[in-house]
Amino acid sequence: MSGFIGVNGTTQNEYDQIISWSIEIANNLQDLRVINGGNMYLAPAAFNLTNSQANDTAAYLNNINVTEYPDLFDYFLGNTYALGYGEVNDPDLGSITKAYDFYKNGANGTNGLGNWAKENNMKVIITEFGIFSGNNQDLVSLKTEATKAMTEFCNDSTVEGVLFFRPLPDVGIQQTEHQLVPGDLDGTLTGLKEVIGACTI
């Protein structure tokens, strides 16, 4: 089996095995769920919603046994980002892949976790949200997209919460192309406040 879900080469059979294990484990933990008087919320996995090469979401939702999930789990978890492409003067500068579209419609335009969650009355927590700017240094547009995505998540009844992700310099993994809000590394968190402020509900 591949080392982890999300790498190229993971087969549908391997996903099916993982789904089978998740159902078996969830069945054994039902007494511990909050809904049954316990103190746990259950979720099957954290999906990489942006990866169309190894599409976690499609592989899970195409498995017939996933129909058992709404009865076994409280949440789905997923990671999604606003992705930027191109150089500043490139004609493709405006090509910014939208974080919310990854969630609602899927990485390849099908099998969207958001659409499935709505159809099956499931709640979702976005466990990673932020920006991969790549070579696109139009940080204003990227920030605008992140703010728009936050508004859309906030207005989506299937989304229970959004957790932000950004490498911090004090842990030695700072990457200028992968940060929560461009310009936020000065410690003021002004950009973060602006994005969160887009959620008015």
Protein backbone atom coordinates (compact mmCIF):
# COMPACT_ATOMS: atom_id res chain seq x y z
CA MET A 1 0.00 0.00 0.00
CA SER A 2 1.13 3.57 -0.61
CA GLY A 3 2.66 5.31 2.36
CA PHE A 4 -0.27 7.63 2.88
CA ILE A 5 -3.47 8.69 1.22
CA GLY A 6 -2.85 11.46 -1.27
CA VAL A 7 0.24 10.13 -3.04
CA ASN A 8 0.08 9.09 -6.66
CA GLY A 9 -0.46 5.39 -7.15
CA THR A 10 -3.05 4.76 -4.46
CA THR A 11 -5.49 2.34 -6.05
CA GLN A 12 -9.25 2.14 -5.61
CA ASN A 13 -8.78 -1.27 -3.98
CA GLU A 14 -6.54 0.32 -1.37
CA TYR A 15 -9.05 3.06 -0.73
CA ASP A 16 -11.77 0.40 -0.44
CA GLN A 17 -9.71 -1.41 2.20
CA ILE A 18 -9.25 1.79 4.19
CA ILE A 19 -12.97 2.51 3.97
CA SER A 20 -13.70 -0.99 5.23
CA TRP A 21 -11.35 -0.48 8.17
CA SER A 22 -12.87 2.91 8.99
CA ILE A 23 -16.36 1.40 9.09
CA GLU A 24 -15.18 -1.46 11.30
CA ILE A 25 -13.46 0.93 13.72
CA ALA A 26 -16.43 3.31 13.77
CA ASN A 27 -18.81 0.47 14.58
CA ASN A 28 -16.68 -0.37 17.61
CA LEU A 29 -16.68 3.26 18.81
CA GLN A 30 -20.38 4.06 18.54
CA ASP A 31 -20.98 3.92 22.30
CA LEU A 32 -18.39 6.68 22.76
CA ARG A 33 -20.04 9.16 20.40
CA VAL A 34 -21.57 12.29 21.92
CA ILE A 35 -24.86 11.49 20.21
CA ASN A 36 -24.91 8.21 22.18
CA GLY A 37 -23.96 9.74 25.53
CA GLY A 38 -20.19 9.57 25.13
CA ASN A 39 -17.61 12.30 24.67
CA MET A 40 -16.24 11.71 21.16
CA TYR A 41 -17.02 13.00 17.69
CA LEU A 42 -16.04 10.63 14.90
CA ALA A 43 -14.66 11.40 11.44
CA PRO A 44 -13.28 8.88 8.94
CA ALA A 45 -10.31 10.80 7.52
CA ALA A 46 -8.98 14.20 6.52
CA PHE A 47 -9.40 14.56 2.77
CA ASN A 48 -7.01 16.45 0.50
CA LEU A 49 -9.67 18.31 -1.45
CA THR A 50 -7.21 19.94 -3.88
CA ASN A 51 -5.55 16.81 -5.30
CA SER A 52 -6.98 15.62 -8.60
CA GLN A 53 -4.19 13.07 -9.23
CA ALA A 54 -4.94 11.03 -6.12
CA ASN A 55 -8.48 12.18 -5.51
CA ASP A 56 -9.28 11.15 -1.95
CA THR A 57 -12.81 12.47 -2.06
CA ALA A 58 -13.77 10.74 -5.30
CA ALA A 59 -12.25 7.45 -4.16
CA TYR A 60 -14.24 7.53 -0.93
CA LEU A 61 -17.52 8.75 -2.34
CA ASN A 62 -17.43 6.27 -5.24
CA ASN A 63 -17.36 3.38 -2.76
CA ILE A 64 -20.84 2.00 -2.18
CA ASN A 65 -20.11 1.37 1.51
CA VAL A 66 -19.72 5.10 2.12
CA THR A 67 -23.52 5.19 2.31
CA GLU A 68 -23.03 3.91 5.87
CA TYR A 69 -21.01 6.98 6.84
CA PRO A 70 -23.85 9.35 7.81
CA ASP A 71 -24.96 6.84 10.44
CA LEU A 72 -21.43 6.17 11.76
CA PHE A 73 -19.64 9.52 11.70
CA ASP A 74 -20.34 13.01 12.96
CA TYR A 75 -18.09 14.89 10.56
CA PHE A 76 -16.01 14.76 7.43
CA LEU A 77 -12.68 16.60 7.51
CA GLY A 78 -10.99 18.24 4.53
CA ASN A 79 -8.06 20.50 3.59
CA THR A 80 -8.42 23.09 0.84
CA TYR A 81 -6.45 26.10 -0.38
CA ALA A 82 -6.60 28.99 -2.80
CA LEU A 83 -3.95 28.10 -5.40
CA GLY A 84 -2.21 30.72 -7.53
CA TYR A 85 -0.40 30.16 -10.83
CA GLY A 86 1.77 32.19 -13.18
CA GLU A 87 4.09 35.18 -12.94
CA VAL A 88 2.92 38.72 -12.33
CA ASN A 89 3.01 39.67 -16.01
CA ASP A 90 1.65 36.38 -17.34
CA PRO A 91 -1.75 36.26 -19.03
CA ASP A 92 -2.62 33.40 -16.66
CA LEU A 93 -2.20 35.64 -13.64
CA GLY A 94 -5.91 35.57 -12.93
CA SER A 95 -5.87 31.78 -12.76
CA ILE A 96 -6.53 31.35 -9.06
CA THR A 97 -8.12 28.05 -8.13
CA LYS A 98 -10.79 28.69 -5.56
CA ALA A 99 -10.66 26.96 -2.20
CA TYR A 100 -14.43 26.81 -1.90
CA ASP A 101 -14.84 25.31 -5.38
CA PHE A 102 -12.48 22.49 -4.39
CA TYR A 103 -14.76 21.80 -1.44
CA LYS A 104 -18.12 22.09 -3.17
CA ASN A 105 -17.40 20.65 -6.63
CA GLY A 106 -14.27 18.50 -6.19
CA ALA A 107 -10.69 18.78 -7.43
CA ASN A 108 -11.65 17.67 -10.93
CA GLY A 109 -15.08 19.25 -10.99
CA THR A 110 -16.89 16.12 -9.82
CA ASN A 111 -17.38 14.27 -6.54
CA GLY A 112 -17.44 17.42 -4.45
CA LEU A 113 -17.44 16.75 -0.72
CA GLY A 114 -19.64 19.80 -0.14
CA ASN A 115 -22.33 18.59 -2.52
CA TRP A 116 -22.21 15.09 -1.04
CA ALA A 117 -22.40 16.42 2.52
CA LYS A 118 -25.47 18.46 1.65
CA GLU A 119 -27.20 15.50 0.01
CA ASN A 120 -26.43 13.25 3.00
CA ASN A 121 -27.00 15.75 5.81
CA MET A 122 -23.37 15.57 6.98
CA LYS A 123 -21.31 18.30 8.61
CA VAL A 124 -17.75 19.11 7.53
CA ILE A 125 -14.81 20.79 9.26
CA ILE A 126 -12.20 22.39 7.01
CA THR A 127 -9.05 21.29 8.84
CA GLU A 128 -6.59 23.31 6.71
CA PHE A 129 -7.32 26.54 4.88
CA GLY A 130 -4.92 29.08 3.42
CA ILE A 131 -3.01 30.08 0.30
CA PHE A 132 -0.46 28.44 -1.96
CA SER A 133 0.71 31.42 -4.00
CA GLY A 134 3.19 29.44 -6.12
CA ASN A 135 4.74 31.79 -8.68
CA ASN A 136 1.77 34.11 -8.55
CA GLN A 137 2.82 37.19 -6.63
CA ASP A 138 -0.44 39.05 -7.14
CA LEU A 139 -0.97 38.80 -3.40
CA VAL A 140 -3.90 41.21 -3.41
CA SER A 141 -5.90 38.92 -5.71
CA LEU A 142 -4.96 35.87 -3.66
CA LYS A 143 -6.01 37.58 -0.46
CA THR A 144 -9.27 38.65 -2.08
CA GLU A 145 -9.92 35.04 -3.10
CA ALA A 146 -9.19 33.77 0.42
CA THR A 147 -11.62 36.31 1.83
CA LYS A 148 -14.30 35.31 -0.66
CA ALA A 149 -13.77 31.63 0.15
CA MET A 150 -14.12 32.35 3.86
CA THR A 151 -17.43 34.09 3.19
CA GLU A 152 -18.66 31.11 1.16
CA PHE A 153 -17.63 28.63 3.85
CA CYS A 154 -19.34 30.74 6.48
CA ASN A 155 -22.57 30.80 4.50
CA ASP A 156 -22.52 27.07 3.75
CA SER A 157 -24.72 25.15 6.17
CA THR A 158 -22.62 21.99 5.74
CA VAL A 159 -19.47 23.66 7.10
CA GLU A 160 -19.19 23.48 10.87
CA GLY A 161 -15.86 25.28 11.13
CA VAL A 162 -12.67 26.37 9.36
CA LEU A 163 -9.15 25.90 10.75
CA PHE A 164 -6.41 28.04 9.25
CA PHE A 165 -2.93 26.75 8.40
CA ARG A 166 0.30 28.67 7.94
CA PRO A 167 3.92 27.59 8.53
CA LEU A 168 5.50 29.78 11.17
CA PRO A 169 9.13 30.95 11.00
CA ASP A 170 9.88 30.00 14.60
CA VAL A 171 9.43 26.30 13.80
CA GLY A 172 11.81 26.41 10.85
CA ILE A 173 9.34 25.61 8.08
CA GLN A 174 8.43 29.07 6.76
CA GLN A 175 7.58 28.99 3.06
CA THR A 176 6.75 32.29 1.40
CA GLU A 177 4.61 30.50 -1.20
CA HIS A 178 2.53 28.73 1.44
CA GLN A 179 1.04 31.03 3.99
CA LEU A 180 -2.30 31.87 5.45
CA VAL A 181 -2.59 35.44 4.27
CA PRO A 182 0.17 37.14 2.24
CA GLY A 183 1.83 39.88 4.23
CA ASP A 184 0.79 38.38 7.54
CA LEU A 185 4.25 37.19 8.56
CA ASP A 186 5.03 40.49 10.27
CA GLY A 187 3.05 39.31 13.25
CA THR A 188 0.27 41.89 13.04
CA LEU A 189 -2.31 39.37 11.79
CA THR A 190 -4.05 42.20 9.95
CA GLY A 191 -4.70 40.01 6.92
CA LEU A 192 -6.07 37.20 9.06
CA LYS A 193 -8.48 39.56 10.76
CA GLU A 194 -9.69 40.79 7.40
CA VAL A 195 -10.36 37.24 6.16
CA ILE A 196 -12.13 36.18 9.34
CA GLY A 197 -14.10 39.43 9.30
CA ALA A 198 -15.68 38.30 6.05
CA CYS A 199 -17.73 35.83 8.07
CA THR A 200 -20.63 37.88 9.38
CA ILE A 201 -22.95 35.15 10.59
